[in-house]
Amino acid sequence: MTGYYDLVLGLIPLALGGITTLLTAFGFALTTAIPVASVVAVGLIGHAMFVNGPVDSTPRSAATDDGGFQAAD
């Protein structure tokens, strides 16, 4: 099953190559097309890391005794 992060990993080189090719075909210089495409790729990485970041699939319960500090009372 393809997850969100698999799609992001596939879209990074696709965005970098595809947008660079598209902008070059429209007449932009290669020195302009590559930075613009890399901003999109970095945006995908930033979204995957910070906006939709990975989380643990099993939440930890606060009611479990972890053997920590106990009061002497």
PDB file of N, CA and C in Angstrom:
ATOM      1  N   MET A   1       0.835  -1.173   0.000  1.00  0.00           N
ATOM      2  CA  MET A   1       0.000   0.000   0.000  1.00  0.00           C
ATOM      3  C   MET A   1       0.888   1.246   0.000  1.00  0.00           C
ATOM      4  N   THR A   2       0.621   2.141  -0.893  1.00  0.00           N
ATOM      5  CA  THR A   2       1.398   3.365  -1.013  1.00  0.00           C
ATOM      6  C   THR A   2       0.880   4.399  -0.028  1.00  0.00           C
ATOM      7  N   GLY A   3       1.758   4.853   0.840  1.00  0.00           N
ATOM      8  CA  GLY A   3       1.386   5.844   1.836  1.00  0.00           C
ATOM      9  C   GLY A   3       1.769   7.247   1.405  1.00  0.00           C
ATOM     10  N   TYR A   4       1.475   8.186   2.267  1.00  0.00           N
ATOM     11  CA  TYR A   4       1.745   9.597   1.995  1.00  0.00           C
ATOM     12  C   TYR A   4       3.232   9.840   1.764  1.00  0.00           C
ATOM     13  N   TYR A   5       4.059   9.255   2.610  1.00  0.00           N
ATOM     14  CA  TYR A   5       5.492   9.508   2.513  1.00  0.00           C
ATOM     15  C   TYR A   5       6.102   8.848   1.284  1.00  0.00           C
ATOM     16  N   ASP A   6       5.538   7.743   0.823  1.00  0.00           N
ATOM     17  CA  ASP A   6       5.983   7.143  -0.435  1.00  0.00           C
ATOM     18  C   ASP A   6       5.679   8.075  -1.605  1.00  0.00           C
ATOM     19  N   LEU A   7       4.516   8.691  -1.570  1.00  0.00           N
ATOM     20  CA  LEU A   7       4.160   9.642  -2.626  1.00  0.00           C
ATOM     21  C   LEU A   7       5.072  10.866  -2.609  1.00  0.00           C
ATOM     22  N   VAL A   8       5.388  11.352  -1.425  1.00  0.00           N
ATOM     23  CA  VAL A   8       6.277  12.509  -1.325  1.00  0.00           C
ATOM     24  C   VAL A   8       7.654  12.160  -1.874  1.00  0.00           C
ATOM     25  N   LEU A   9       8.160  10.981  -1.527  1.00  0.00           N
ATOM     26  CA  LEU A   9       9.472  10.571  -2.034  1.00  0.00           C
ATOM     27  C   LEU A   9       9.470  10.439  -3.549  1.00  0.00           C
ATOM     28  N   GLY A  10       8.355  10.047  -4.125  1.00  0.00           N
ATOM     29  CA  GLY A  10       8.263   9.974  -5.578  1.00  0.00           C
ATOM     30  C   GLY A  10       8.095  11.332  -6.232  1.00  0.00           C
ATOM     31  N   LEU A  11       7.410  12.235  -5.552  1.00  0.00           N
ATOM     32  CA  LEU A  11       7.155  13.554  -6.131  1.00  0.00           C
ATOM     33  C   LEU A  11       8.363  14.484  -6.099  1.00  0.00           C
ATOM     34  N   ILE A  12       9.295  14.246  -5.198  1.00  0.00           N
ATOM     35  CA  ILE A  12      10.460  15.138  -5.094  1.00  0.00           C
ATOM     36  C   ILE A  12      11.262  15.158  -6.395  1.00  0.00           C
ATOM     37  N   PRO A  13      11.740  14.013  -6.909  1.00  0.00           N
ATOM     38  CA  PRO A  13      12.484  14.080  -8.179  1.00  0.00           C
ATOM     39  C   PRO A  13      11.592  14.408  -9.366  1.00  0.00           C
ATOM     40  N   LEU A  14      10.322  14.002  -9.292  1.00  0.00           N
ATOM     41  CA  LEU A  14       9.396  14.311 -10.379  1.00  0.00           C
ATOM     42  C   LEU A  14       9.170  15.821 -10.478  1.00  0.00           C
ATOM     43  N   ALA A  15       8.996  16.471  -9.348  1.00  0.00           N
ATOM     44  CA  ALA A  15       8.818  17.928  -9.348  1.00  0.00           C
ATOM     45  C   ALA A  15      10.086  18.626  -9.808  1.00  0.00           C
ATOM     46  N   LEU A  16      11.223  18.155  -9.330  1.00  0.00           N
ATOM     47  CA  LEU A  16      12.487  18.791  -9.700  1.00  0.00           C
ATOM     48  C   LEU A  16      12.750  18.670 -11.194  1.00  0.00           C
ATOM     49  N   GLY A  17      12.589  17.477 -11.730  1.00  0.00           N
ATOM     50  CA  GLY A  17      12.835  17.280 -13.161  1.00  0.00           C
ATOM     51  C   GLY A  17      11.735  17.822 -14.043  1.00  0.00           C
ATOM     52  N   GLY A  18      10.492  17.594 -13.642  1.00  0.00           N
ATOM     53  CA  GLY A  18       9.361  18.008 -14.467  1.00  0.00           C
ATOM     54  C   GLY A  18       9.197  19.511 -14.565  1.00  0.00           C
ATOM     55  N   ILE A  19       9.296  20.178 -13.442  1.00  0.00           N
ATOM     56  CA  ILE A  19       9.134  21.634 -13.454  1.00  0.00           C
ATOM     57  C   ILE A  19      10.312  22.298 -14.158  1.00  0.00           C
ATOM     58  N   THR A  20      11.511  21.752 -13.966  1.00  0.00           N
ATOM     59  CA  THR A  20      12.672  22.295 -14.677  1.00  0.00           C
ATOM     60  C   THR A  20      12.496  22.156 -16.179  1.00  0.00           C
ATOM     61  N   THR A  21      12.048  20.992 -16.625  1.00  0.00           N
ATOM     62  CA  THR A  21      11.825  20.766 -18.055  1.00  0.00           C
ATOM     63  C   THR A  21      10.725  21.670 -18.590  1.00  0.00           C
ATOM     64  N   LEU A  22       9.644  21.788 -17.841  1.00  0.00           N
ATOM     65  CA  LEU A  22       8.523  22.616 -18.272  1.00  0.00           C
ATOM     66  C   LEU A  22       8.920  24.092 -18.386  1.00  0.00           C
ATOM     67  N   LEU A  23       9.612  24.595 -17.389  1.00  0.00           N
ATOM     68  CA  LEU A  23      10.030  25.995 -17.430  1.00  0.00           C
ATOM     69  C   LEU A  23      11.061  26.244 -18.528  1.00  0.00           C
ATOM     70  N   THR A  24      11.941  25.288 -18.749  1.00  0.00           N
ATOM     71  CA  THR A  24      12.919  25.428 -19.831  1.00  0.00           C
ATOM     72  C   THR A  24      12.223  25.423 -21.185  1.00  0.00           C
ATOM     73  N   ALA A  25      11.180  24.608 -21.319  1.00  0.00           N
ATOM     74  CA  ALA A  25      10.424  24.569 -22.574  1.00  0.00           C
ATOM     75  C   ALA A  25       9.682  25.878 -22.821  1.00  0.00           C
ATOM     76  N   PHE A  26       9.299  26.568 -21.755  1.00  0.00           N
ATOM     77  CA  PHE A  26       8.617  27.854 -21.902  1.00  0.00           C
ATOM     78  C   PHE A  26       9.580  29.018 -22.087  1.00  0.00           C
ATOM     79  N   GLY A  27      10.866  28.738 -22.151  1.00  0.00           N
ATOM     80  CA  GLY A  27      11.833  29.769 -22.467  1.00  0.00           C
ATOM     81  C   GLY A  27      12.606  30.342 -21.302  1.00  0.00           C
ATOM     82  N   PHE A  28      12.392  29.834 -20.106  1.00  0.00           N
ATOM     83  CA  PHE A  28      13.169  30.308 -18.965  1.00  0.00           C
ATOM     84  C   PHE A  28      14.584  29.749 -19.044  1.00  0.00           C
ATOM     85  N   ALA A  29      15.527  30.487 -18.522  1.00  0.00           N
ATOM     86  CA  ALA A  29      16.907  30.007 -18.479  1.00  0.00           C
ATOM     87  C   ALA A  29      17.013  28.852 -17.486  1.00  0.00           C
ATOM     88  N   LEU A  30      17.963  27.982 -17.740  1.00  0.00           N
ATOM     89  CA  LEU A  30      18.154  26.835 -16.855  1.00  0.00           C
ATOM     90  C   LEU A  30      18.552  27.282 -15.448  1.00  0.00           C
ATOM     91  N   THR A  31      19.255  28.393 -15.367  1.00  0.00           N
ATOM     92  CA  THR A  31      19.651  28.911 -14.049  1.00  0.00           C
ATOM     93  C   THR A  31      18.476  29.503 -13.280  1.00  0.00           C
ATOM     94  N   THR A  32      17.366  29.717 -13.940  1.00  0.00           N
ATOM     95  CA  THR A  32      16.139  30.155 -13.269  1.00  0.00           C
ATOM     96  C   THR A  32      15.224  28.971 -12.997  1.00  0.00           C
ATOM     97  N   ALA A  33      15.155  28.047 -13.940  1.00  0.00           N
ATOM     98  CA  ALA A  33      14.232  26.917 -13.827  1.00  0.00           C
ATOM     99  C   ALA A  33      14.609  25.969 -12.695  1.00  0.00           C
ATOM    100  N   ILE A  34      15.891  25.713 -12.520  1.00  0.00           N
ATOM    101  CA  ILE A  34      16.314  24.777 -11.472  1.00  0.00           C
ATOM    102  C   ILE A  34      16.014  25.315 -10.069  1.00  0.00           C
ATOM    103  N   PRO A  35      16.328  26.565  -9.744  1.00  0.00           N
ATOM    104  CA  PRO A  35      15.966  27.057  -8.400  1.00  0.00           C
ATOM    105  C   PRO A  35      14.461  27.090  -8.139  1.00  0.00           C
ATOM    106  N   VAL A  36      13.675  27.425  -9.144  1.00  0.00           N
ATOM    107  CA  VAL A  36      12.220  27.439  -8.958  1.00  0.00           C
ATOM    108  C   VAL A  36      11.718  26.027  -8.680  1.00  0.00           C
ATOM    109  N   ALA A  37      12.206  25.056  -9.432  1.00  0.00           N
ATOM    110  CA  ALA A  37      11.792  23.669  -9.217  1.00  0.00           C
ATOM    111  C   ALA A  37      12.281  23.149  -7.870  1.00  0.00           C
ATOM    112  N   SER A  38      13.455  23.569  -7.452  1.00  0.00           N
ATOM    113  CA  SER A  38      13.965  23.100  -6.166  1.00  0.00           C
ATOM    114  C   SER A  38      13.175  23.687  -5.001  1.00  0.00           C
ATOM    115  N   VAL A  39      12.629  24.879  -5.166  1.00  0.00           N
ATOM    116  CA  VAL A  39      11.774  25.454  -4.116  1.00  0.00           C
ATOM    117  C   VAL A  39      10.518  24.601  -3.938  1.00  0.00           C
ATOM    118  N   VAL A  40       9.967  24.113  -5.035  1.00  0.00           N
ATOM    119  CA  VAL A  40       8.795  23.233  -4.948  1.00  0.00           C
ATOM    120  C   VAL A  40       9.174  21.922  -4.260  1.00  0.00           C
ATOM    121  N   ALA A  41      10.326  21.351  -4.616  1.00  0.00           N
ATOM    122  CA  ALA A  41      10.769  20.104  -3.993  1.00  0.00           C
ATOM    123  C   ALA A  41      11.023  20.294  -2.499  1.00  0.00           C
ATOM    124  N   VAL A  42      11.634  21.394  -2.129  1.00  0.00           N
ATOM    125  CA  VAL A  42      11.872  21.676  -0.708  1.00  0.00           C
ATOM    126  C   VAL A  42      10.547  21.916   0.014  1.00  0.00           C
ATOM    127  N   GLY A  43       9.586  22.513  -0.659  1.00  0.00           N
ATOM    128  CA  GLY A  43       8.257  22.682  -0.075  1.00  0.00           C
ATOM    129  C   GLY A  43       7.584  21.354   0.219  1.00  0.00           C
ATOM    130  N   LEU A  44       7.747  20.393  -0.676  1.00  0.00           N
ATOM    131  CA  LEU A  44       7.207  19.050  -0.432  1.00  0.00           C
ATOM    132  C   LEU A  44       7.874  18.403   0.777  1.00  0.00           C
ATOM    133  N   ILE A  45       9.175  18.543   0.869  1.00  0.00           N
ATOM    134  CA  ILE A  45       9.905  17.974   2.003  1.00  0.00           C
ATOM    135  C   ILE A  45       9.471  18.650   3.306  1.00  0.00           C
ATOM    136  N   GLY A  46       9.357  19.969   3.282  1.00  0.00           N
ATOM    137  CA  GLY A  46       8.935  20.697   4.474  1.00  0.00           C
ATOM    138  C   GLY A  46       7.533  20.332   4.917  1.00  0.00           C
ATOM    139  N   HIS A  47       6.645  20.126   3.961  1.00  0.00           N
ATOM    140  CA  HIS A  47       5.281  19.723   4.309  1.00  0.00           C
ATOM    141  C   HIS A  47       5.279  18.343   4.951  1.00  0.00           C
ATOM    142  N   ALA A  48       6.065  17.436   4.400  1.00  0.00           N
ATOM    143  CA  ALA A  48       6.103  16.080   4.944  1.00  0.00           C
ATOM    144  C   ALA A  48       6.744  16.034   6.325  1.00  0.00           C
ATOM    145  N   MET A  49       7.676  16.932   6.589  1.00  0.00           N
ATOM    146  CA  MET A  49       8.365  16.902   7.882  1.00  0.00           C
ATOM    147  C   MET A  49       7.642  17.685   8.971  1.00  0.00           C
ATOM    148  N   PHE A  50       7.095  18.842   8.624  1.00  0.00           N
ATOM    149  CA  PHE A  50       6.601  19.742   9.662  1.00  0.00           C
ATOM    150  C   PHE A  50       5.083  19.893   9.692  1.00  0.00           C
ATOM    151  N   VAL A  51       4.428  19.906   8.549  1.00  0.00           N
ATOM    152  CA  VAL A  51       2.978  20.086   8.527  1.00  0.00           C
ATOM    153  C   VAL A  51       2.275  18.761   8.765  1.00  0.00           C
ATOM    154  N   ASN A  52       2.693  17.740   8.052  1.00  0.00           N
ATOM    155  CA  ASN A  52       2.100  16.413   8.184  1.00  0.00           C
ATOM    156  C   ASN A  52       3.187  15.457   8.652  1.00  0.00           C
ATOM    157  N   GLY A  53       3.766  15.754   9.800  1.00  0.00           N
ATOM    158  CA  GLY A  53       4.902  14.993  10.304  1.00  0.00           C
ATOM    159  C   GLY A  53       4.533  13.591  10.747  1.00  0.00           C
ATOM    160  N   PRO A  54       5.518  12.719  10.761  1.00  0.00           N
ATOM    161  CA  PRO A  54       5.260  11.349  11.202  1.00  0.00           C
ATOM    162  C   PRO A  54       4.982  11.311  12.701  1.00  0.00           C
ATOM    163  N   VAL A  55       4.063  10.459  13.085  1.00  0.00           N
ATOM    164  CA  VAL A  55       3.717  10.282  14.493  1.00  0.00           C
ATOM    165  C   VAL A  55       3.700   8.796  14.803  1.00  0.00           C
ATOM    166  N   ASP A  56       3.792   8.470  16.089  1.00  0.00           N
ATOM    167  CA  ASP A  56       3.706   7.074  16.497  1.00  0.00           C
ATOM    168  C   ASP A  56       2.307   6.557  16.233  1.00  0.00           C
ATOM    169  N   SER A  57       2.214   5.330  15.755  1.00  0.00           N
ATOM    170  CA  SER A  57       0.905   4.767  15.450  1.00  0.00           C
ATOM    171  C   SER A  57       0.193   4.260  16.700  1.00  0.00           C
ATOM    172  N   THR A  58       0.928   3.948  17.751  1.00  0.00           N
ATOM    173  CA  THR A  58       0.317   3.475  18.985  1.00  0.00           C
ATOM    174  C   THR A  58       0.487   4.540  20.064  1.00  0.00           C
ATOM    175  N   PRO A  59      -0.608   5.181  20.469  1.00  0.00           N
ATOM    176  CA  PRO A  59      -0.500   6.201  21.513  1.00  0.00           C
ATOM    177  C   PRO A  59      -0.161   5.572  22.859  1.00  0.00           C
ATOM    178  N   ARG A  60       0.628   6.280  23.639  1.00  0.00           N
ATOM    179  CA  ARG A  60       1.006   5.792  24.954  1.00  0.00           C
ATOM    180  C   ARG A  60      -0.030   6.244  25.968  1.00  0.00           C
ATOM    181  N   SER A  61      -0.448   5.341  26.815  1.00  0.00           N
ATOM    182  CA  SER A  61      -1.449   5.651  27.822  1.00  0.00           C
ATOM    183  C   SER A  61      -0.783   6.281  29.043  1.00  0.00           C
ATOM    184  N   ALA A  62      -1.426   7.298  29.603  1.00  0.00           N
ATOM    185  CA  ALA A  62      -0.895   7.963  30.790  1.00  0.00           C
ATOM    186  C   ALA A  62      -1.155   7.153  32.048  1.00  0.00           C
ATOM    187  N   ALA A  63      -2.057   6.179  31.990  1.00  0.00           N
ATOM    188  CA  ALA A  63      -2.430   5.407  33.166  1.00  0.00           C
ATOM    189  C   ALA A  63      -1.452   4.271  33.452  1.00  0.00           C
ATOM    190  N   THR A  64      -0.546   3.977  32.566  1.00  0.00           N
ATOM    191  CA  THR A  64       0.376   2.871  32.799  1.00  0.00           C
ATOM    192  C   THR A  64       1.449   3.279  33.792  1.00  0.00           C
ATOM    193  N   ASP A  65       1.856   2.337  34.627  1.00  0.00           N
ATOM    194  CA  ASP A  65       2.898   2.578  35.609  1.00  0.00           C
ATOM    195  C   ASP A  65       4.239   2.294  34.949  1.00  0.00           C
ATOM    196  N   ASP A  66       5.071   3.302  34.842  1.00  0.00           N
ATOM    197  CA  ASP A  66       6.362   3.116  34.193  1.00  0.00           C
ATOM    198  C   ASP A  66       7.490   2.898  35.201  1.00  0.00           C
ATOM    199  N   GLY A  67       7.168   2.697  36.452  1.00  0.00           N
ATOM    200  CA  GLY A  67       8.187   2.437  37.458  1.00  0.00           C
ATOM    201  C   GLY A  67       8.958   3.674  37.857  1.00  0.00           C
ATOM    202  N   GLY A  68       8.363   4.827  37.681  1.00  0.00           N
ATOM    203  CA  GLY A  68       9.039   6.083  37.989  1.00  0.00           C
ATOM    204  C   GLY A  68       8.985   6.410  39.467  1.00  0.00           C
ATOM    205  N   PHE A  69       9.165   7.656  39.783  1.00  0.00           N
ATOM    206  CA  PHE A  69       9.192   8.144  41.158  1.00  0.00           C
ATOM    207  C   PHE A  69       7.832   7.971  41.820  1.00  0.00           C
ATOM    208  N   GLN A  70       7.842   7.445  43.057  1.00  0.00           N
ATOM    209  CA  GLN A  70       6.613   7.301  43.831  1.00  0.00           C
ATOM    210  C   GLN A  70       6.798   8.016  45.163  1.00  0.00           C
ATOM    211  N   ALA A  71       5.743   8.666  45.622  1.00  0.00           N
ATOM    212  CA  ALA A  71       5.803   9.396  46.888  1.00  0.00           C
ATOM    213  C   ALA A  71       5.908   8.426  48.059  1.00  0.00           C
ATOM    214  N   ALA A  72       6.527   8.857  49.140  1.00  0.00           N
ATOM    215  CA  ALA A  72       6.721   8.009  50.313  1.00  0.00           C
ATOM    216  C   ALA A  72       5.512   7.995  51.232  1.00  0.00           C
ATOM    217  N   ASP A  73       4.489   8.783  50.990  1.00  0.00           N
ATOM    218  CA  ASP A  73       3.321   8.856  51.875  1.00  0.00           C
ATOM    219  C   ASP A  73       2.604   7.546  51.912  1.00  0.00           C
TER     220      ASP A  73
END
